[in-house]
Amino acid sequence: KPDIERAARWVADHLRSAGFQSIEIVPTALHPLVYP
């Protein structure tokens, strides 16, 4: 579970560096959702 959350942060950070200006990591009952 902590690694899944770390993977979500990794994806969010890389989307930001690609130019997405607003990224939200949405917690869910199972796994976080990365929403640009």
PDB file of all heavy atoms in Angstrom:
ATOM      1  N   LYS A   1       0.816  -1.218   0.000  1.00  0.00           N
ATOM      2  CA  LYS A   1       0.000   0.000   0.000  1.00  0.00           C
ATOM      3  C   LYS A   1       0.851   1.269   0.000  1.00  0.00           C
ATOM      4  O   LYS A   1       0.603   2.169  -0.806  1.00  0.00           O
ATOM      5  CB  LYS A   1      -0.978  -0.001   1.180  1.00  0.00           C
ATOM      6  CG  LYS A   1      -1.911   1.198   1.179  1.00  0.00           C
ATOM      7  CD  LYS A   1      -2.962   1.071   2.255  1.00  0.00           C
ATOM      8  CE  LYS A   1      -3.829   2.279   2.413  1.00  0.00           C
ATOM      9  NZ  LYS A   1      -4.291   2.942   1.241  1.00  0.00           N
ATOM     10  N   PRO A   2       1.906   1.381   0.832  1.00  0.00           N
ATOM     11  CA  PRO A   2       2.748   2.583   0.763  1.00  0.00           C
ATOM     12  C   PRO A   2       3.451   2.731  -0.594  1.00  0.00           C
ATOM     13  O   PRO A   2       3.634   3.848  -1.077  1.00  0.00           O
ATOM     14  CB  PRO A   2       3.772   2.375   1.882  1.00  0.00           C
ATOM     15  CG  PRO A   2       3.139   1.396   2.812  1.00  0.00           C
ATOM     16  CD  PRO A   2       2.295   0.513   1.946  1.00  0.00           C
ATOM     17  N   ASP A   3       3.802   1.611  -1.209  1.00  0.00           N
ATOM     18  CA  ASP A   3       4.440   1.676  -2.521  1.00  0.00           C
ATOM     19  C   ASP A   3       3.461   2.124  -3.598  1.00  0.00           C
ATOM     20  O   ASP A   3       3.834   2.864  -4.522  1.00  0.00           O
ATOM     21  CB  ASP A   3       5.038   0.318  -2.894  1.00  0.00           C
ATOM     22  CG  ASP A   3       6.145  -0.102  -1.940  1.00  0.00           C
ATOM     23  OD1 ASP A   3       7.026   0.734  -1.661  1.00  0.00           O
ATOM     24  OD2 ASP A   3       6.123  -1.247  -1.472  1.00  0.00           O
ATOM     25  N   ILE A   4       2.212   1.712  -3.485  1.00  0.00           N
ATOM     26  CA  ILE A   4       1.189   2.150  -4.434  1.00  0.00           C
ATOM     27  C   ILE A   4       0.993   3.658  -4.313  1.00  0.00           C
ATOM     28  O   ILE A   4       0.888   4.373  -5.321  1.00  0.00           O
ATOM     29  CB  ILE A   4      -0.129   1.387  -4.199  1.00  0.00           C
ATOM     30  CG1 ILE A   4       0.065  -0.093  -4.532  1.00  0.00           C
ATOM     31  CG2 ILE A   4      -1.273   1.990  -5.004  1.00  0.00           C
ATOM     32  CD1 ILE A   4      -1.041  -0.991  -4.042  1.00  0.00           C
ATOM     33  N   GLU A   5       0.986   4.158  -3.092  1.00  0.00           N
ATOM     34  CA  GLU A   5       0.863   5.600  -2.880  1.00  0.00           C
ATOM     35  C   GLU A   5       2.089   6.328  -3.417  1.00  0.00           C
ATOM     36  O   GLU A   5       1.977   7.410  -4.017  1.00  0.00           O
ATOM     37  CB  GLU A   5       0.640   5.884  -1.402  1.00  0.00           C
ATOM     38  CG  GLU A   5      -0.714   5.368  -0.931  1.00  0.00           C
ATOM     39  CD  GLU A   5      -0.886   5.334   0.570  1.00  0.00           C
ATOM     40  OE1 GLU A   5       0.093   5.630   1.307  1.00  0.00           O
ATOM     41  OE2 GLU A   5      -2.000   5.005   1.016  1.00  0.00           O
ATOM     42  N   ARG A   6       3.267   5.745  -3.256  1.00  0.00           N
ATOM     43  CA  ARG A   6       4.497   6.340  -3.799  1.00  0.00           C
ATOM     44  C   ARG A   6       4.448   6.352  -5.324  1.00  0.00           C
ATOM     45  O   ARG A   6       4.853   7.334  -5.961  1.00  0.00           O
ATOM     46  CB  ARG A   6       5.726   5.559  -3.314  1.00  0.00           C
ATOM     47  CG  ARG A   6       7.036   6.144  -3.776  1.00  0.00           C
ATOM     48  CD  ARG A   6       8.216   5.610  -2.985  1.00  0.00           C
ATOM     49  NE  ARG A   6       8.376   4.179  -3.073  1.00  0.00           N
ATOM     50  CZ  ARG A   6       9.364   3.561  -3.721  1.00  0.00           C
ATOM     51  NH1 ARG A   6      10.285   4.254  -4.345  1.00  0.00           N
ATOM     52  NH2 ARG A   6       9.434   2.244  -3.721  1.00  0.00           N
ATOM     53  N   ALA A   7       3.927   5.298  -5.934  1.00  0.00           N
ATOM     54  CA  ALA A   7       3.790   5.249  -7.391  1.00  0.00           C
ATOM     55  C   ALA A   7       2.829   6.346  -7.874  1.00  0.00           C
ATOM     56  O   ALA A   7       3.079   6.987  -8.897  1.00  0.00           O
ATOM     57  CB  ALA A   7       3.313   3.870  -7.827  1.00  0.00           C
ATOM     58  N   ALA A   8       1.758   6.567  -7.136  1.00  0.00           N
ATOM     59  CA  ALA A   8       0.816   7.632  -7.497  1.00  0.00           C
ATOM     60  C   ALA A   8       1.493   8.996  -7.429  1.00  0.00           C
ATOM     61  O   ALA A   8       1.306   9.837  -8.324  1.00  0.00           O
ATOM     62  CB  ALA A   8      -0.408   7.594  -6.577  1.00  0.00           C
ATOM     63  N   ARG A   9       2.298   9.226  -6.392  1.00  0.00           N
ATOM     64  CA  ARG A   9       3.036  10.498  -6.284  1.00  0.00           C
ATOM     65  C   ARG A   9       4.025  10.638  -7.439  1.00  0.00           C
ATOM     66  O   ARG A   9       4.201  11.725  -7.990  1.00  0.00           O
ATOM     67  CB  ARG A   9       3.743  10.598  -4.934  1.00  0.00           C
ATOM     68  CG  ARG A   9       2.799  10.851  -3.768  1.00  0.00           C
ATOM     69  CD  ARG A   9       3.545  11.201  -2.481  1.00  0.00           C
ATOM     70  NE  ARG A   9       4.533  10.208  -2.102  1.00  0.00           N
ATOM     71  CZ  ARG A   9       4.279   9.110  -1.376  1.00  0.00           C
ATOM     72  NH1 ARG A   9       3.049   8.881  -0.954  1.00  0.00           N
ATOM     73  NH2 ARG A   9       5.244   8.274  -1.067  1.00  0.00           N
ATOM     74  N   TRP A  10       4.692   9.536  -7.808  1.00  0.00           N
ATOM     75  CA  TRP A  10       5.657   9.553  -8.919  1.00  0.00           C
ATOM     76  C   TRP A  10       4.951   9.980 -10.204  1.00  0.00           C
ATOM     77  O   TRP A  10       5.441  10.844 -10.941  1.00  0.00           O
ATOM     78  CB  TRP A  10       6.294   8.172  -9.085  1.00  0.00           C
ATOM     79  CG  TRP A  10       7.431   8.129 -10.048  1.00  0.00           C
ATOM     80  CD1 TRP A  10       8.757   8.197  -9.746  1.00  0.00           C
ATOM     81  CD2 TRP A  10       7.348   7.997 -11.484  1.00  0.00           C
ATOM     82  NE1 TRP A  10       9.501   8.108 -10.904  1.00  0.00           N
ATOM     83  CE2 TRP A  10       8.659   7.998 -11.980  1.00  0.00           C
ATOM     84  CE3 TRP A  10       6.303   7.872 -12.378  1.00  0.00           C
ATOM     85  CZ2 TRP A  10       8.952   7.882 -13.340  1.00  0.00           C
ATOM     86  CZ3 TRP A  10       6.576   7.781 -13.726  1.00  0.00           C
ATOM     87  CH2 TRP A  10       7.893   7.782 -14.184  1.00  0.00           C
ATOM     88  N   VAL A  11       3.789   9.371 -10.475  1.00  0.00           N
ATOM     89  CA  VAL A  11       3.034   9.709 -11.684  1.00  0.00           C
ATOM     90  C   VAL A  11       2.611  11.181 -11.640  1.00  0.00           C
ATOM     91  O   VAL A  11       2.769  11.914 -12.625  1.00  0.00           O
ATOM     92  CB  VAL A  11       1.811   8.785 -11.851  1.00  0.00           C
ATOM     93  CG1 VAL A  11       0.885   9.286 -12.951  1.00  0.00           C
ATOM     94  CG2 VAL A  11       2.268   7.362 -12.144  1.00  0.00           C
ATOM     95  N   ALA A  12       2.102  11.628 -10.515  1.00  0.00           N
ATOM     96  CA  ALA A  12       1.666  13.025 -10.379  1.00  0.00           C
ATOM     97  C   ALA A  12       2.832  13.979 -10.604  1.00  0.00           C
ATOM     98  O   ALA A  12       2.700  14.972 -11.331  1.00  0.00           O
ATOM     99  CB  ALA A  12       1.036  13.249  -9.003  1.00  0.00           C
ATOM    100  N   ASP A  13       3.972  13.699 -10.010  1.00  0.00           N
ATOM    101  CA  ASP A  13       5.148  14.557 -10.182  1.00  0.00           C
ATOM    102  C   ASP A  13       5.589  14.619 -11.639  1.00  0.00           C
ATOM    103  O   ASP A  13       5.942  15.688 -12.154  1.00  0.00           O
ATOM    104  CB  ASP A  13       6.316  14.066  -9.327  1.00  0.00           C
ATOM    105  CG  ASP A  13       6.083  14.258  -7.842  1.00  0.00           C
ATOM    106  OD1 ASP A  13       5.174  15.036  -7.464  1.00  0.00           O
ATOM    107  OD2 ASP A  13       6.806  13.623  -7.043  1.00  0.00           O
ATOM    108  N   HIS A  14       5.556  13.500 -12.327  1.00  0.00           N
ATOM    109  CA  HIS A  14       5.982  13.482 -13.725  1.00  0.00           C
ATOM    110  C   HIS A  14       4.957  14.148 -14.643  1.00  0.00           C
ATOM    111  O   HIS A  14       5.331  14.762 -15.643  1.00  0.00           O
ATOM    112  CB  HIS A  14       6.320  12.061 -14.161  1.00  0.00           C
ATOM    113  CG  HIS A  14       7.681  11.652 -13.698  1.00  0.00           C
ATOM    114  ND1 HIS A  14       7.951  11.307 -12.386  1.00  0.00           N
ATOM    115  CD2 HIS A  14       8.859  11.579 -14.353  1.00  0.00           C
ATOM    116  CE1 HIS A  14       9.220  11.036 -12.265  1.00  0.00           C
ATOM    117  NE2 HIS A  14       9.806  11.188 -13.441  1.00  0.00           N
ATOM    118  N   LEU A  15       3.680  14.069 -14.297  1.00  0.00           N
ATOM    119  CA  LEU A  15       2.685  14.810 -15.062  1.00  0.00           C
ATOM    120  C   LEU A  15       2.895  16.316 -14.894  1.00  0.00           C
ATOM    121  O   LEU A  15       2.806  17.076 -15.856  1.00  0.00           O
ATOM    122  CB  LEU A  15       1.272  14.418 -14.638  1.00  0.00           C
ATOM    123  CG  LEU A  15       0.781  13.065 -15.142  1.00  0.00           C
ATOM    124  CD1 LEU A  15      -0.544  12.694 -14.463  1.00  0.00           C
ATOM    125  CD2 LEU A  15       0.625  13.070 -16.652  1.00  0.00           C
ATOM    126  N   ARG A  16       3.214  16.740 -13.669  1.00  0.00           N
ATOM    127  CA  ARG A  16       3.496  18.162 -13.433  1.00  0.00           C
ATOM    128  C   ARG A  16       4.702  18.605 -14.256  1.00  0.00           C
ATOM    129  O   ARG A  16       4.678  19.672 -14.866  1.00  0.00           O
ATOM    130  CB  ARG A  16       3.747  18.422 -11.950  1.00  0.00           C
ATOM    131  CG  ARG A  16       2.500  18.462 -11.127  1.00  0.00           C
ATOM    132  CD  ARG A  16       2.774  18.869  -9.676  1.00  0.00           C
ATOM    133  NE  ARG A  16       1.636  18.532  -8.859  1.00  0.00           N
ATOM    134  CZ  ARG A  16       1.537  17.425  -8.117  1.00  0.00           C
ATOM    135  NH1 ARG A  16       2.522  16.564  -8.048  1.00  0.00           N
ATOM    136  NH2 ARG A  16       0.454  17.193  -7.416  1.00  0.00           N
ATOM    137  N   SER A  17       5.753  17.795 -14.260  1.00  0.00           N
ATOM    138  CA  SER A  17       6.952  18.175 -15.009  1.00  0.00           C
ATOM    139  C   SER A  17       6.712  18.153 -16.515  1.00  0.00           C
ATOM    140  O   SER A  17       7.437  18.796 -17.268  1.00  0.00           O
ATOM    141  CB  SER A  17       8.146  17.293 -14.633  1.00  0.00           C
ATOM    142  OG  SER A  17       7.976  15.985 -15.133  1.00  0.00           O
ATOM    143  N   ALA A  18       5.661  17.455 -16.959  1.00  0.00           N
ATOM    144  CA  ALA A  18       5.306  17.433 -18.378  1.00  0.00           C
ATOM    145  C   ALA A  18       4.409  18.617 -18.750  1.00  0.00           C
ATOM    146  O   ALA A  18       4.046  18.770 -19.910  1.00  0.00           O
ATOM    147  CB  ALA A  18       4.607  16.120 -18.724  1.00  0.00           C
ATOM    148  N   GLY A  19       4.032  19.417 -17.766  1.00  0.00           N
ATOM    149  CA  GLY A  19       3.274  20.623 -18.060  1.00  0.00           C
ATOM    150  C   GLY A  19       1.858  20.666 -17.530  1.00  0.00           C
ATOM    151  O   GLY A  19       1.179  21.677 -17.675  1.00  0.00           O
ATOM    152  N   PHE A  20       1.388  19.578 -16.931  1.00  0.00           N
ATOM    153  CA  PHE A  20       0.071  19.639 -16.306  1.00  0.00           C
ATOM    154  C   PHE A  20       0.180  20.526 -15.075  1.00  0.00           C
ATOM    155  O   PHE A  20       1.075  20.355 -14.252  1.00  0.00           O
ATOM    156  CB  PHE A  20      -0.416  18.242 -15.902  1.00  0.00           C
ATOM    157  CG  PHE A  20      -0.882  17.409 -17.062  1.00  0.00           C
ATOM    158  CD1 PHE A  20       0.025  16.691 -17.823  1.00  0.00           C
ATOM    159  CD2 PHE A  20      -2.221  17.361 -17.398  1.00  0.00           C
ATOM    160  CE1 PHE A  20      -0.398  15.931 -18.892  1.00  0.00           C
ATOM    161  CE2 PHE A  20      -2.658  16.593 -18.472  1.00  0.00           C
ATOM    162  CZ  PHE A  20      -1.741  15.884 -19.227  1.00  0.00           C
ATOM    163  N   GLN A  21      -0.720  21.478 -14.961  1.00  0.00           N
ATOM    164  CA  GLN A  21      -0.587  22.462 -13.890  1.00  0.00           C
ATOM    165  C   GLN A  21      -1.339  22.109 -12.619  1.00  0.00           C
ATOM    166  O   GLN A  21      -1.034  22.628 -11.555  1.00  0.00           O
ATOM    167  CB  GLN A  21      -1.023  23.830 -14.401  1.00  0.00           C
ATOM    168  CG  GLN A  21      -0.103  24.315 -15.496  1.00  0.00           C
ATOM    169  CD  GLN A  21      -0.458  25.686 -15.981  1.00  0.00           C
ATOM    170  OE1 GLN A  21      -1.430  26.289 -15.545  1.00  0.00           O
ATOM    171  NE2 GLN A  21       0.335  26.191 -16.888  1.00  0.00           N
ATOM    172  N   SER A  22      -2.302  21.245 -12.717  1.00  0.00           N
ATOM    173  CA  SER A  22      -3.071  20.892 -11.531  1.00  0.00           C
ATOM    174  C   SER A  22      -3.320  19.389 -11.518  1.00  0.00           C
ATOM    175  O   SER A  22      -4.014  18.871 -12.383  1.00  0.00           O
ATOM    176  CB  SER A  22      -4.397  21.663 -11.515  1.00  0.00           C
ATOM    177  OG  SER A  22      -5.107  21.367 -10.340  1.00  0.00           O
ATOM    178  N   ILE A  23      -2.725  18.727 -10.565  1.00  0.00           N
ATOM    179  CA  ILE A  23      -2.858  17.287 -10.413  1.00  0.00           C
ATOM    180  C   ILE A  23      -3.407  17.023  -9.022  1.00  0.00           C
ATOM    181  O   ILE A  23      -2.945  17.600  -8.052  1.00  0.00           O
ATOM    182  CB  ILE A  23      -1.483  16.576 -10.538  1.00  0.00           C
ATOM    183  CG1 ILE A  23      -0.782  16.950 -11.831  1.00  0.00           C
ATOM    184  CG2 ILE A  23      -1.627  15.074 -10.376  1.00  0.00           C
ATOM    185  CD1 ILE A  23      -1.416  16.436 -13.070  1.00  0.00           C
ATOM    186  N   GLU A  24      -4.371  16.151  -8.951  1.00  0.00           N
ATOM    187  CA  GLU A  24      -4.892  15.752  -7.635  1.00  0.00           C
ATOM    188  C   GLU A  24      -4.738  14.243  -7.483  1.00  0.00           C
ATOM    189  O   GLU A  24      -5.020  13.485  -8.409  1.00  0.00           O
ATOM    190  CB  GLU A  24      -6.364  16.134  -7.509  1.00  0.00           C
ATOM    191  CG  GLU A  24      -6.936  15.833  -6.147  1.00  0.00           C
ATOM    192  CD  GLU A  24      -8.382  16.295  -5.999  1.00  0.00           C
ATOM    193  OE1 GLU A  24      -8.865  17.057  -6.851  1.00  0.00           O
ATOM    194  OE2 GLU A  24      -9.017  15.863  -5.029  1.00  0.00           O
ATOM    195  N   ILE A  25      -4.259  13.830  -6.322  1.00  0.00           N
ATOM    196  CA  ILE A  25      -4.237  12.409  -5.977  1.00  0.00           C
ATOM    197  C   ILE A  25      -5.455  12.172  -5.098  1.00  0.00           C
ATOM    198  O   ILE A  25      -5.552  12.704  -3.998  1.00  0.00           O
ATOM    199  CB  ILE A  25      -2.930  12.013  -5.268  1.00  0.00           C
ATOM    200  CG1 ILE A  25      -1.738  12.270  -6.189  1.00  0.00           C
ATOM    201  CG2 ILE A  25      -2.987  10.547  -4.842  1.00  0.00           C
ATOM    202  CD1 ILE A  25      -0.386  12.007  -5.555  1.00  0.00           C
ATOM    203  N   VAL A  26      -6.399  11.409  -5.631  1.00  0.00           N
ATOM    204  CA  VAL A  26      -7.679  11.187  -4.965  1.00  0.00           C
ATOM    205  C   VAL A  26      -7.632   9.848  -4.237  1.00  0.00           C
ATOM    206  O   VAL A  26      -7.450   8.806  -4.865  1.00  0.00           O
ATOM    207  CB  VAL A  26      -8.834  11.184  -5.993  1.00  0.00           C
ATOM    208  CG1 VAL A  26     -10.165  10.964  -5.307  1.00  0.00           C
ATOM    209  CG2 VAL A  26      -8.821  12.453  -6.819  1.00  0.00           C
ATOM    210  N   PRO A  27      -7.766   9.854  -2.909  1.00  0.00           N
ATOM    211  CA  PRO A  27      -7.823   8.581  -2.195  1.00  0.00           C
ATOM    212  C   PRO A  27      -9.135   7.871  -2.513  1.00  0.00           C
ATOM    213  O   PRO A  27     -10.173   8.495  -2.678  1.00  0.00           O
ATOM    214  CB  PRO A  27      -7.737   8.976  -0.723  1.00  0.00           C
ATOM    215  CG  PRO A  27      -7.895  10.443  -0.650  1.00  0.00           C
ATOM    216  CD  PRO A  27      -7.855  10.997  -2.037  1.00  0.00           C
ATOM    217  N   THR A  28      -9.081   6.567  -2.604  1.00  0.00           N
ATOM    218  CA  THR A  28     -10.289   5.761  -2.818  1.00  0.00           C
ATOM    219  C   THR A  28     -10.268   4.624  -1.801  1.00  0.00           C
ATOM    220  O   THR A  28      -9.303   4.476  -1.045  1.00  0.00           O
ATOM    221  CB  THR A  28     -10.348   5.166  -4.246  1.00  0.00           C
ATOM    222  OG1 THR A  28      -9.347   4.157  -4.369  1.00  0.00           O
ATOM    223  CG2 THR A  28     -10.160   6.230  -5.305  1.00  0.00           C
ATOM    224  N   ALA A  29     -11.282   3.811  -1.830  1.00  0.00           N
ATOM    225  CA  ALA A  29     -11.341   2.676  -0.903  1.00  0.00           C
ATOM    226  C   ALA A  29     -10.216   1.675  -1.167  1.00  0.00           C
ATOM    227  O   ALA A  29      -9.795   0.971  -0.259  1.00  0.00           O
ATOM    228  CB  ALA A  29     -12.682   1.975  -1.010  1.00  0.00           C
ATOM    229  N   LEU A  30      -9.740   1.621  -2.389  1.00  0.00           N
ATOM    230  CA  LEU A  30      -8.680   0.670  -2.721  1.00  0.00           C
ATOM    231  C   LEU A  30      -7.339   1.356  -2.980  1.00  0.00           C
ATOM    232  O   LEU A  30      -6.415   1.244  -2.187  1.00  0.00           O
ATOM    233  CB  LEU A  30      -9.082  -0.168  -3.936  1.00  0.00           C
ATOM    234  CG  LEU A  30     -10.256  -1.114  -3.724  1.00  0.00           C
ATOM    235  CD1 LEU A  30     -10.643  -1.782  -5.032  1.00  0.00           C
ATOM    236  CD2 LEU A  30      -9.915  -2.153  -2.670  1.00  0.00           C
ATOM    237  N   HIS A  31      -7.251   2.051  -4.096  1.00  0.00           N
ATOM    238  CA  HIS A  31      -5.974   2.640  -4.511  1.00  0.00           C
ATOM    239  C   HIS A  31      -6.173   4.098  -4.900  1.00  0.00           C
ATOM    240  O   HIS A  31      -7.249   4.473  -5.356  1.00  0.00           O
ATOM    241  CB  HIS A  31      -5.397   1.867  -5.698  1.00  0.00           C
ATOM    242  CG  HIS A  31      -5.356   0.399  -5.476  1.00  0.00           C
ATOM    243  ND1 HIS A  31      -4.634  -0.183  -4.455  1.00  0.00           N
ATOM    244  CD2 HIS A  31      -5.961  -0.621  -6.124  1.00  0.00           C
ATOM    245  CE1 HIS A  31      -4.791  -1.491  -4.499  1.00  0.00           C
ATOM    246  NE2 HIS A  31      -5.603  -1.785  -5.489  1.00  0.00           N
ATOM    247  N   PRO A  32      -5.125   4.900  -4.762  1.00  0.00           N
ATOM    248  CA  PRO A  32      -5.264   6.306  -5.126  1.00  0.00           C
ATOM    249  C   PRO A  32      -5.449   6.474  -6.634  1.00  0.00           C
ATOM    250  O   PRO A  32      -4.955   5.681  -7.431  1.00  0.00           O
ATOM    251  CB  PRO A  32      -3.946   6.933  -4.661  1.00  0.00           C
ATOM    252  CG  PRO A  32      -3.001   5.805  -4.524  1.00  0.00           C
ATOM    253  CD  PRO A  32      -3.797   4.574  -4.263  1.00  0.00           C
ATOM    254  N   LEU A  33      -6.152   7.513  -6.984  1.00  0.00           N
ATOM    255  CA  LEU A  33      -6.405   7.867  -8.367  1.00  0.00           C
ATOM    256  C   LEU A  33      -5.648   9.158  -8.660  1.00  0.00           C
ATOM    257  O   LEU A  33      -5.775  10.133  -7.920  1.00  0.00           O
ATOM    258  CB  LEU A  33      -7.907   8.074  -8.576  1.00  0.00           C
ATOM    259  CG  LEU A  33      -8.354   8.681  -9.886  1.00  0.00           C
ATOM    260  CD1 LEU A  33      -8.145   7.678 -11.015  1.00  0.00           C
ATOM    261  CD2 LEU A  33      -9.812   9.092  -9.797  1.00  0.00           C
ATOM    262  N   VAL A  34      -4.842   9.164  -9.705  1.00  0.00           N
ATOM    263  CA  VAL A  34      -4.129  10.371 -10.108  1.00  0.00           C
ATOM    264  C   VAL A  34      -4.974  11.057 -11.165  1.00  0.00           C
ATOM    265  O   VAL A  34      -5.242  10.490 -12.228  1.00  0.00           O
ATOM    266  CB  VAL A  34      -2.725  10.042 -10.654  1.00  0.00           C
ATOM    267  CG1 VAL A  34      -2.016  11.320 -11.088  1.00  0.00           C
ATOM    268  CG2 VAL A  34      -1.902   9.296  -9.619  1.00  0.00           C
ATOM    269  N   TYR A  35      -5.413  12.270 -10.858  1.00  0.00           N
ATOM    270  CA  TYR A  35      -6.343  12.979 -11.721  1.00  0.00           C
ATOM    271  C   TYR A  35      -5.738  14.303 -12.161  1.00  0.00           C
ATOM    272  O   TYR A  35      -5.555  15.199 -11.351  1.00  0.00           O
ATOM    273  CB  TYR A  35      -7.658  13.220 -10.981  1.00  0.00           C
ATOM    274  CG  TYR A  35      -8.747  13.788 -11.855  1.00  0.00           C
ATOM    275  CD1 TYR A  35      -9.512  12.959 -12.657  1.00  0.00           C
ATOM    276  CD2 TYR A  35      -8.981  15.150 -11.890  1.00  0.00           C
ATOM    277  CE1 TYR A  35     -10.505  13.474 -13.469  1.00  0.00           C
ATOM    278  CE2 TYR A  35      -9.974  15.682 -12.694  1.00  0.00           C
ATOM    279  CZ  TYR A  35     -10.712  14.842 -13.484  1.00  0.00           C
ATOM    280  OH  TYR A  35     -11.699  15.354 -14.284  1.00  0.00           O
ATOM    281  N   PRO A  36      -5.417  14.443 -13.460  1.00  0.00           N
ATOM    282  CA  PRO A  36      -4.919  15.733 -13.954  1.00  0.00           C
ATOM    283  C   PRO A  36      -6.079  16.623 -14.381  1.00  0.00           C
ATOM    284  O   PRO A  36      -6.986  16.182 -15.084  1.00  0.00           O
ATOM    285  CB  PRO A  36      -4.070  15.329 -15.171  1.00  0.00           C
ATOM    286  CG  PRO A  36      -4.671  14.051 -15.638  1.00  0.00           C
ATOM    287  CD  PRO A  36      -5.280  13.384 -14.427  1.00  0.00           C
TER     288      PRO A  36
END
